Protein backbone atom coordinates (compact mmCIF):
# COMPACT_ATOMS: atom_id res chain seq x y z
CA MET A 1 21.83 -9.49 -76.99
CA SER A 2 23.61 -11.47 -79.55
CA THR A 3 23.51 -14.44 -81.98
CA THR A 4 25.48 -17.16 -83.65
CA THR A 5 24.49 -18.98 -87.07
CA THR A 6 22.73 -22.10 -87.81
CA PRO A 7 20.83 -23.11 -85.57
CA LEU A 8 20.33 -19.76 -84.52
CA LYS A 9 21.42 -19.14 -80.93
CA VAL A 10 20.90 -16.01 -78.70
CA VAL A 11 22.74 -15.03 -75.85
CA ALA A 12 21.02 -12.31 -73.51
CA PHE A 13 22.76 -10.14 -70.87
CA THR A 14 20.22 -9.43 -68.06
CA GLN A 15 21.80 -7.43 -65.21
CA ASN A 16 24.06 -9.50 -63.53
CA ALA A 17 23.21 -13.02 -65.60
CA VAL A 18 24.39 -14.48 -68.97
CA TYR A 19 21.67 -16.76 -70.30
CA ALA A 20 21.76 -18.88 -73.83
CA GLY A 21 19.50 -20.97 -75.98
CA ASP A 22 18.08 -21.89 -79.38
CA LEU A 23 15.82 -19.10 -81.34
CA GLY A 24 12.97 -21.15 -82.19
CA ALA A 25 10.54 -21.51 -85.00
CA PRO A 26 8.16 -18.02 -85.20
CA GLY A 27 4.91 -19.17 -83.91
CA ASP A 28 6.38 -21.84 -81.58
CA ASP A 29 6.24 -21.28 -77.87
CA PRO A 30 9.75 -19.43 -76.55
CA PRO A 31 12.43 -22.01 -75.95
CA GLU A 32 14.20 -21.98 -72.50
CA MET A 33 17.12 -20.07 -72.06
CA ALA A 34 19.84 -22.24 -69.76
CA LEU A 35 21.25 -19.69 -67.34
CA VAL A 36 25.14 -19.63 -68.35
CA GLY A 37 26.50 -17.62 -65.08
CA SER A 38 25.48 -14.88 -62.66
CA GLY A 39 27.08 -12.92 -59.97
CA ASP A 40 30.54 -12.12 -60.12
CA SER A 41 31.28 -14.30 -63.08
CA ALA A 42 28.97 -11.81 -65.43
CA LEU A 43 28.99 -8.31 -66.91
CA TYR A 44 27.23 -5.90 -64.78
CA GLY A 45 27.27 -2.76 -67.52
CA PRO A 46 24.30 -1.47 -69.09
CA ASP A 47 26.11 -1.41 -72.48
CA ILE A 48 27.88 -4.82 -73.12
CA GLU A 49 29.50 -5.41 -77.09
CA SER A 50 30.20 -8.54 -77.79
CA ALA A 51 31.83 -10.23 -80.61
CA TYR A 52 32.37 -13.93 -82.16
CA MET A 53 35.55 -15.80 -82.66
CA VAL A 54 37.03 -19.61 -82.53
CA ASP A 55 38.98 -20.68 -79.99
CA PRO A 56 42.45 -21.87 -81.41
CA TYR A 57 42.56 -24.24 -78.44
CA ASP A 58 39.05 -25.75 -78.49
CA GLY A 59 37.93 -24.86 -82.03
CA LYS A 60 34.74 -23.92 -80.70
CA THR A 61 33.30 -20.53 -81.69
CA LYS A 62 32.70 -18.23 -78.87
CA LEU A 63 31.15 -15.17 -77.49
CA PHE A 64 33.73 -12.65 -76.42
CA ALA A 65 32.10 -9.89 -74.34
CA VAL A 66 33.56 -6.51 -72.68
CA ASP A 67 31.55 -3.46 -71.42
CA GLY A 68 34.39 -1.16 -70.01
CA THR A 69 34.85 -2.57 -66.59
CA ASP A 70 34.77 -6.38 -66.88
CA SER A 71 35.30 -9.42 -69.74
CA ILE A 72 33.95 -12.72 -70.51
CA ILE A 73 33.95 -15.37 -72.70
CA VAL A 74 30.46 -17.29 -73.00
CA ASP A 75 30.45 -21.06 -74.72
CA VAL A 76 27.15 -20.97 -76.28
CA ILE A 77 26.94 -24.51 -77.01
CA GLY A 78 28.56 -25.94 -73.66
CA ASN A 79 26.56 -23.55 -71.39
CA GLU A 80 30.25 -22.07 -69.77
CA LEU A 81 31.43 -18.63 -69.10
CA VAL A 82 35.36 -17.74 -67.62
CA GLN A 83 36.81 -14.41 -67.57
CA TRP A 84 38.57 -13.71 -70.76
CA ALA A 85 41.78 -12.35 -68.79
CA ASP A 86 42.26 -15.29 -66.98
CA ARG A 87 42.31 -17.47 -69.67
CA VAL A 88 44.80 -15.39 -71.75
CA ILE A 89 47.05 -15.85 -68.38
CA THR A 90 46.55 -19.71 -68.91
CA VAL A 91 47.08 -20.18 -72.47
CA GLY A 92 48.01 -17.19 -74.08
CA LYS A 93 50.23 -14.29 -74.21
CA GLY A 94 50.97 -10.68 -72.63
CA GLU A 95 48.49 -9.49 -70.71
CA LEU A 96 44.29 -8.32 -72.17
CA PRO A 97 44.20 -4.67 -71.96
CA PRO A 98 42.09 -3.78 -69.58
CA GLN A 99 38.25 -1.90 -69.18
CA CYS A 100 37.74 -1.72 -72.96
CA ALA A 101 33.88 -1.09 -73.94
CA LEU A 102 34.16 -1.71 -77.55
CA ILE A 103 34.86 -5.11 -79.19
CA CYS A 104 34.83 -6.33 -82.92
CA VAL A 105 36.57 -8.66 -85.23
CA TYR A 106 38.98 -7.68 -88.23
CA ARG A 107 40.68 -9.68 -90.38
CA GLY A 108 40.92 -12.26 -87.71
CA ARG A 109 41.96 -10.04 -84.92
CA MET A 110 40.33 -9.79 -81.83
CA VAL A 111 40.19 -5.63 -82.13
CA LEU A 112 39.87 -4.02 -77.95
CA ALA A 113 39.20 -0.26 -77.44
CA ARG A 114 37.90 2.88 -75.42
CA GLN A 115 39.65 2.39 -72.60
CA PRO A 116 38.37 5.38 -69.71
CA SER A 117 41.86 7.03 -69.44
CA GLN A 118 42.59 6.05 -72.66
CA PRO A 119 39.46 6.51 -74.86
CA SER A 120 41.34 7.17 -78.68
CA ILE A 121 43.71 3.84 -78.56
CA LEU A 122 42.53 0.63 -79.83
CA TYR A 123 44.27 -2.78 -79.92
CA LEU A 124 44.65 -5.65 -81.86
CA SER A 125 45.49 -8.87 -81.16
CA ARG A 126 47.67 -11.16 -82.76
CA SER A 127 45.79 -13.42 -85.94
CA LEU A 128 43.59 -15.85 -85.27
CA ASP A 129 44.36 -15.52 -81.36
CA PRO A 130 42.08 -13.68 -79.08
CA TYR A 131 44.68 -14.66 -76.32
CA ASP A 132 47.57 -13.22 -77.46
CA TRP A 133 47.98 -10.07 -76.84
CA GLN A 134 51.88 -9.66 -76.43
CA PHE A 135 52.91 -6.70 -78.41
CA GLY A 136 55.69 -6.61 -81.13
CA ALA A 137 56.34 -10.15 -80.73
CA LEU A 138 57.34 -12.59 -83.77
CA PRO A 139 56.52 -13.13 -86.47
CA LEU A 140 55.57 -9.32 -86.87
CA ALA A 141 53.32 -9.39 -89.89
CA THR A 142 50.63 -11.38 -87.10
CA THR A 143 51.97 -9.83 -84.12
CA PRO A 144 49.53 -7.82 -81.53
CA ILE A 145 49.16 -4.42 -82.68
CA ALA A 146 48.13 -1.05 -80.13
CA ALA A 147 47.66 2.40 -81.94
CA THR A 148 50.06 3.41 -79.79
CA ASP A 149 52.78 1.33 -82.48
CA PRO A 150 54.44 3.98 -84.81
CA THR A 151 53.40 1.60 -88.20
CA LEU A 152 49.77 2.26 -86.78
CA SER A 153 49.15 5.25 -85.02
CA GLN A 154 45.87 6.11 -83.40
CA PRO A 155 42.91 8.57 -84.28
CA ALA A 156 42.72 12.15 -82.63
CA ASP A 157 39.27 12.11 -81.44
CA ALA A 158 37.78 9.45 -78.64
CA ILE A 159 36.75 6.51 -80.24
CA MET A 160 32.78 5.69 -80.31
CA CYS A 161 32.37 2.86 -82.87
CA LEU A 162 33.95 0.23 -84.39
CA ILE A 163 32.78 -1.63 -87.78
CA PRO A 164 34.48 -3.69 -89.65
CA PHE A 165 33.89 -2.58 -93.08
CA ASN A 166 34.28 -6.33 -94.98
CA GLN A 167 37.90 -7.40 -95.30
CA ASP A 168 39.51 -4.54 -96.64
CA TYR A 169 38.69 -1.82 -94.07
CA LEU A 170 37.94 -1.08 -90.23
CA VAL A 171 35.86 1.73 -89.57
CA ILE A 172 36.90 3.77 -86.41
CA GLY A 173 33.69 5.91 -85.82
CA CYS A 174 35.21 8.55 -83.39
CA LEU A 175 32.96 11.30 -81.43
CA SER A 176 33.41 14.01 -83.81
CA SER A 177 35.21 12.73 -86.98
CA ILE A 178 35.82 9.14 -89.07
CA TYR A 179 39.01 7.12 -89.08
CA VAL A 180 39.72 3.97 -91.23
CA ILE A 181 42.65 1.16 -91.20
CA VAL A 182 42.76 0.02 -94.65
CA GLY A 183 44.07 -3.34 -94.72
CA ASP A 184 46.15 -5.13 -92.05
CA PRO A 185 48.49 -3.37 -90.04
CA GLY A 186 50.87 -6.36 -89.71
CA TYR A 187 51.19 -6.26 -93.70
CA GLY A 188 51.38 -2.47 -94.79
CA GLY A 189 47.91 -1.62 -93.43
CA SER A 190 47.75 2.05 -92.47
CA ILE A 191 45.05 4.40 -90.78
CA GLN A 192 43.32 6.84 -92.68
CA LEU A 193 41.06 10.07 -92.38
CA GLY A 194 37.42 9.20 -93.63
CA SER A 195 35.69 12.80 -92.93
CA ARG A 196 35.96 15.22 -90.03
CA ARG A 197 32.56 16.97 -90.89
CA THR A 198 30.71 13.52 -88.38
CA GLY A 199 31.29 10.88 -85.83
CA LEU A 200 29.14 8.17 -84.25
CA LEU A 201 27.00 8.75 -81.40
CA GLY A 202 27.38 5.39 -79.95
CA PRO A 203 28.90 1.40 -80.27
CA ARG A 204 25.69 0.55 -82.04
CA CYS A 205 24.86 3.17 -84.23
CA PHE A 206 25.85 1.42 -87.82
CA CYS A 207 24.46 -1.20 -89.50
CA PHE A 208 24.68 -3.01 -93.14
CA ASP A 209 21.95 -3.93 -96.13
CA GLU A 210 22.44 -6.53 -98.43
CA ASN A 211 24.29 -4.87 -100.36
CA GLY A 212 26.90 -4.17 -98.01
CA VAL A 213 26.25 -0.36 -97.79
CA CYS A 214 26.64 0.83 -94.36
CA TYR A 215 23.99 3.44 -92.05
CA ILE A 216 25.42 5.26 -89.44
CA LEU A 217 23.91 7.61 -87.36
CA GLY A 218 26.32 10.68 -86.39
CA ASN A 219 25.96 13.71 -84.65
CA SER A 220 24.00 15.24 -87.26
CA GLY A 221 21.72 12.94 -88.62
CA LEU A 222 21.42 9.72 -90.29
CA PHE A 223 24.30 8.83 -93.39
CA ARG A 224 25.20 6.41 -95.83
CA MET A 225 28.42 5.10 -96.09
CA VAL A 226 29.46 3.15 -98.99
CA ASN A 227 32.96 3.72 -99.33
CA PRO A 228 34.70 4.24 -96.40
CA LEU A 229 37.43 5.96 -97.43
CA GLN A 230 34.59 9.00 -99.06
CA PRO A 231 32.84 11.00 -96.46
CA PRO A 232 29.38 9.42 -95.73
CA GLU A 233 26.10 10.87 -97.76
CA PRO A 234 23.38 12.36 -95.51
CA LEU A 235 20.04 10.00 -96.01
CA THR A 236 17.38 11.84 -94.31
CA GLY A 237 18.09 15.69 -94.86
CA ARG A 238 16.49 18.18 -93.13
CA LYS A 239 13.16 15.38 -92.07
CA LEU A 240 14.49 14.44 -89.13
CA ILE A 241 16.26 17.70 -87.56
CA GLY A 242 15.16 18.64 -83.89
CA LEU A 243 15.49 14.48 -83.09
CA LEU A 244 18.21 13.06 -84.39
CA ASP A 245 20.66 16.37 -84.39
CA ARG A 246 19.33 16.49 -80.64
CA ILE A 247 20.19 12.80 -78.90
CA ASP A 248 22.22 13.49 -75.52
CA THR A 249 24.08 10.22 -75.20
CA THR A 250 26.45 11.50 -72.18
CA ASP A 251 23.75 12.41 -69.39
CA ALA A 252 23.49 8.91 -67.19
CA ASN A 253 19.54 10.14 -67.89
CA GLY A 254 20.10 11.00 -71.79
CA ILE A 255 19.13 8.35 -74.96
CA ARG A 256 21.22 4.95 -75.79
CA PRO A 257 20.89 5.07 -79.74
CA GLU A 258 20.85 1.54 -81.76
CA LEU A 259 20.86 1.25 -85.57
CA LYS A 260 19.37 -2.08 -86.98
CA TYR A 261 18.34 -3.29 -90.39
CA ASP A 262 15.07 -5.14 -91.13
CA ALA A 263 16.20 -7.26 -94.53
CA PHE A 264 12.80 -8.87 -94.63
CA LYS A 265 10.96 -4.97 -94.99
CA LYS A 266 14.31 -3.11 -95.97
CA GLU A 267 13.83 -0.75 -93.20
CA ILE A 268 16.18 0.94 -91.07
CA HIS A 269 15.34 1.21 -87.53
CA ILE A 270 16.85 3.92 -85.39
CA TYR A 271 16.11 3.13 -82.07
CA LEU A 272 16.37 5.98 -79.43
CA THR A 273 16.01 4.33 -75.72
CA PRO A 274 16.47 6.56 -72.73
CA ARG A 275 19.16 5.12 -70.23
CA ASP A 276 16.63 5.35 -67.72
CA ASP A 277 14.32 2.48 -68.41
CA HIS A 278 11.38 4.11 -67.22
CA SER A 279 10.81 6.49 -69.81
CA GLN A 280 9.00 5.72 -73.10
CA GLY A 281 11.41 6.23 -76.32
CA THR A 282 10.49 7.78 -79.40
CA HIS A 283 12.28 5.79 -82.69
CA VAL A 284 12.54 6.34 -86.64
CA ILE A 285 11.80 4.08 -89.27
CA VAL A 286 13.29 5.07 -92.62
CA ASP A 287 12.77 3.32 -95.94
CA ARG A 288 15.87 2.88 -97.73
CA GLU A 289 14.88 3.01 -101.02
CA THR A 290 12.58 6.15 -100.87
CA GLY A 291 13.78 8.10 -97.71
CA ALA A 292 10.35 8.30 -95.95
CA CYS A 293 10.53 8.21 -92.60
CA TRP A 294 8.03 7.72 -89.76
CA LEU A 295 8.29 7.61 -86.08
CA ASP A 296 7.40 4.49 -83.83
CA LYS A 297 7.06 3.83 -79.95
CA TYR A 298 7.31 0.76 -78.10
CA PRO A 299 5.13 0.49 -74.51
CA ILE A 300 8.10 1.08 -71.78
CA THR A 301 8.57 -2.62 -70.77
CA HIS A 302 9.66 -3.46 -74.65
CA GLY A 303 12.40 -0.96 -74.71
CA PRO A 304 14.04 -1.75 -76.54
CA HIS A 305 17.12 -2.33 -74.35
CA SER A 306 18.87 -4.03 -76.92
CA ALA A 307 18.36 -4.90 -80.62
CA LEU A 308 19.38 -7.84 -82.79
CA GLU A 309 19.53 -8.65 -86.24
CA ILE A 310 18.85 -12.26 -87.45
CA ASP A 311 19.15 -14.15 -90.89
CA GLY A 312 17.47 -17.45 -91.19
CA GLU A 313 15.55 -19.61 -93.60
CA GLU A 314 11.92 -17.77 -92.87
CA ASP A 315 10.80 -14.70 -93.53
CA ASP A 316 10.43 -14.08 -89.56
CA ASN A 317 13.38 -15.21 -89.16
CA ARG A 318 15.15 -12.15 -91.38
CA ARG A 319 13.69 -9.64 -89.13
CA ILE A 320 14.82 -7.74 -85.95
CA LEU A 321 15.12 -9.28 -81.95
CA ILE A 322 14.06 -6.63 -79.58
CA GLY A 323 15.42 -7.26 -75.94
CA GLY A 324 12.65 -5.37 -73.41
CA ASN A 325 13.39 -4.17 -70.08
CA ASP A 326 11.58 -6.52 -68.67
CA GLY A 327 13.67 -9.56 -69.76
CA TYR A 328 11.48 -10.88 -72.46
CA VAL A 329 13.30 -10.85 -76.21
CA ARG A 330 10.61 -9.94 -78.67
CA ARG A 331 10.39 -10.55 -82.28
CA TRP A 332 8.14 -9.26 -85.11
CA LYS A 333 5.77 -11.01 -86.58
CA SER A 334 4.75 -10.18 -90.50
CA LEU A 335 1.22 -12.23 -90.67
CA ALA A 336 0.57 -11.37 -87.15
CA LYS A 337 -3.57 -10.08 -86.71
CA SER A 338 -3.12 -9.44 -82.85
CA ASP A 339 -0.96 -8.28 -80.23
CA ASP A 340 -1.62 -11.62 -78.32
CA GLY A 341 -4.77 -11.08 -78.46
CA THR A 342 -5.71 -7.16 -78.10
CA GLU A 343 -6.82 -5.63 -81.09
CA ILE A 344 -4.18 -3.20 -82.95
CA ASN A 345 -4.24 -0.07 -83.73
CA SER A 346 -3.04 0.72 -87.06
CA TYR A 347 -3.61 4.26 -89.01
CA PHE A 348 -2.05 6.23 -91.59
CA ASP A 349 -1.73 9.85 -91.77
CA SER A 350 -0.73 11.60 -94.74
CA ALA A 351 1.62 15.00 -94.32
CA PRO A 352 -0.03 18.36 -94.40
CA ILE A 353 -1.56 18.80 -98.07
CA GLU A 354 -1.46 22.27 -99.44
CA ILE A 355 -1.49 23.54 -102.83
CA GLY A 356 -0.06 27.00 -104.38
CA GLU A 357 3.25 26.59 -101.93
CA GLY A 358 0.80 27.74 -99.23
CA THR A 359 -0.46 30.96 -100.92
CA VAL A 360 -4.22 29.54 -101.57
CA GLU A 361 -6.80 27.81 -99.67
CA SER A 362 -7.64 24.83 -101.71
CA THR A 363 -10.74 22.16 -101.91
CA ALA A 364 -10.41 18.81 -101.83
CA THR A 365 -13.02 17.04 -104.22
CA GLU A 366 -12.09 13.77 -104.81
CA LEU A 367 -10.33 10.68 -102.61
CA GLN A 368 -9.34 6.96 -104.82
CA PRO A 369 -7.43 4.84 -102.37
CA PHE A 370 -5.89 1.34 -104.05
CA PHE A 371 -5.30 -1.57 -101.11
CA LYS A 372 -3.07 -4.25 -101.48
CA ASP A 373 -4.96 -7.57 -102.46
CA GLY A 374 -6.24 -8.98 -99.26
CA SER A 375 -7.21 -5.89 -97.14
CA ASP A 376 -10.03 -5.61 -95.09
CA ASP A 377 -12.61 -2.66 -94.86
CA VAL A 378 -10.72 0.45 -93.26
CA THR A 379 -12.10 3.81 -91.91
CA TRP A 380 -11.09 7.49 -93.31
CA GLU A 381 -11.32 10.26 -91.83
CA TRP A 382 -10.06 14.11 -93.49
CA TYR A 383 -9.00 16.89 -91.17
CA ALA A 384 -8.21 20.24 -92.05
CA GLY A 385 -6.67 23.86 -90.96
CA ASN A 386 -5.14 27.06 -91.56
CA SER A 387 -1.93 25.99 -91.51
CA PRO A 388 -0.13 22.75 -91.91
CA GLU A 389 0.56 22.04 -88.07
CA ALA A 390 -3.14 23.02 -87.58
CA ALA A 391 -3.92 20.10 -90.13
CA ARG A 392 -1.50 18.15 -88.45
CA THR A 393 -2.92 18.26 -84.66
CA SER A 394 -6.81 19.08 -85.81
CA THR A 395 -8.76 16.53 -83.78
CA ALA A 396 -11.69 17.61 -85.58
CA VAL A 397 -13.19 15.25 -88.50
CA GLU A 398 -14.27 17.41 -91.50
CA THR A 399 -15.70 14.51 -93.25
CA SER A 400 -15.56 10.29 -92.78
CA GLY A 401 -16.12 6.91 -94.29
CA THR A 402 -15.38 3.75 -95.29
CA PHE A 403 -13.28 1.83 -97.66
CA GLU A 404 -14.65 -1.95 -97.87
CA GLU A 405 -12.54 -4.54 -99.58
CA GLY A 406 -11.42 -4.99 -102.77
CA TYR A 407 -11.84 -2.22 -105.58
CA THR A 408 -12.26 1.43 -104.18
CA ALA A 409 -14.58 3.96 -106.69
CA PRO A 410 -13.36 7.48 -106.12
CA VAL A 411 -15.10 8.94 -103.21
CA GLY A 412 -16.35 12.91 -103.42
CA LEU A 413 -16.04 15.19 -100.74
CA ARG A 414 -15.67 18.75 -100.86
CA VAL A 415 -13.75 20.71 -97.71
CA THR A 416 -11.91 23.88 -98.09
CA ALA A 417 -9.06 24.84 -95.81
CA GLY A 418 -5.19 26.14 -95.77
CA SER A 419 -3.94 22.36 -95.29
CA HIS A 420 -5.42 18.72 -95.24
CA ARG A 421 -4.46 15.60 -93.59
CA LEU A 422 -5.70 12.65 -94.49
CA ARG A 423 -5.62 9.57 -91.90
CA ILE A 424 -6.94 5.85 -92.47
CA LYS A 425 -7.00 3.50 -90.06
CA GLN A 426 -8.45 -0.03 -88.60
CA LEU A 427 -9.20 -1.16 -85.12
CA SER A 428 -9.15 -5.19 -85.05
CA ARG A 429 -7.80 -8.58 -83.84
CA VAL A 430 -8.45 -9.83 -87.05
CA PHE A 431 -8.26 -8.49 -90.26
CA THR A 432 -5.39 -7.08 -92.04
CA TRP A 433 -4.66 -3.83 -94.60
CA GLY A 434 -2.31 -2.55 -96.90
CA LEU A 435 -1.74 1.19 -99.03
CA GLU A 436 -0.20 0.58 -102.40
CA LYS A 437 -1.03 4.34 -103.46
CA LEU A 438 -3.38 7.19 -102.92
CA PHE A 439 -5.18 9.98 -105.69
CA ALA A 440 -6.72 13.22 -104.22
CA LYS A 441 -8.02 16.09 -106.26
CA PHE A 442 -7.92 19.74 -105.08
CA ILE A 443 -9.00 22.78 -107.28
CA PRO A 444 -7.88 26.14 -106.02
CA ALA A 445 -10.45 28.17 -103.56
CA ASN A 446 -9.55 31.88 -101.92
CA ARG A 447 -6.46 33.27 -101.45
CA ARG A 448 -4.85 32.46 -98.00
CA ARG A 449 -5.59 35.35 -95.82
């Protein structure tokens, strides 16, 4: 799935067909998407990558797409689809590198990489011309370049991801390392080692925030990259060990990882979708400011098979689109109070709470929440256990009550345990709520036995 800018147009690849159409405004009926091509003229692979570039021969912005087996060009305005290799033969020079699975645009050059037999080689077209692949031809400053060229050299690792990092760097995310092309290879640019400590898990394992900071999903967790020439910084620490550290992307039935940034809520979404499209994935949302993480799940039909960041004028057009396994494209809606008329079961679970570094039991004596203005009534439930794990998994409600809208006075309770957990929840199709902060009082009790 890919998009252009104003007006927002979406291109969707579904099995062996390609569709294109306007995104439409939030809340409107979804617009019809036109069939651009199908059958032998479309891509079949499940991992399609694409990039936009202006066609130098007709001035139109077009979508260039590859999947490791084939390559096509989509005219999103004229709803036309042609084979990229054929277009190189008719209007270009040289021969399009075949069977590439990765693509991006860097400093006006189309970049291709990851051929089945040569996973560490990348190719750069002539500047501003995606149809010129005649390597070494004059003028040399703008000539197409392959990573086998001694003026550039190639990474010593299989390429997994291409990340254009503004106009100064092209980050090459490899299986267990990161390399960086600095500047334009035709003007003295070079390839440098960025990190030997981590690689990237796949072609969609990166995103940028509005400050130009890059976030990557490596083979040991989530990282933040401010300067590509310096090692990336771990972002989540040990919070997601056991999930992010054990992602298998090599198995045909493994995980298809993808990162997207929600500019409206300032969140990083990590989608971990099973490749079999018949299993439910466990996804992660990370708050950019605090580093707080929570797990998320979608129905199997929602996937997401792919995800897409959009940047429009309305707030709901600065969210994330997700392409489902059922062929639908869906978007987040900030003010939705129901799921197409179905009640939304929303809840907040605190982390297990204990005092004295777990050496003593504690008695919870008081609870006071502060809700966002306009929040409606919610229910609260208190759980307890002898250990954090027992409190986290307990289904026995120790005490409960209702917080009504408006200011909430402190609530008294008396629960003694080694560990505690609070749940606040609401089941509704007409009401909403938002929690800003929460205070709870505990006093030491008996020593843990």
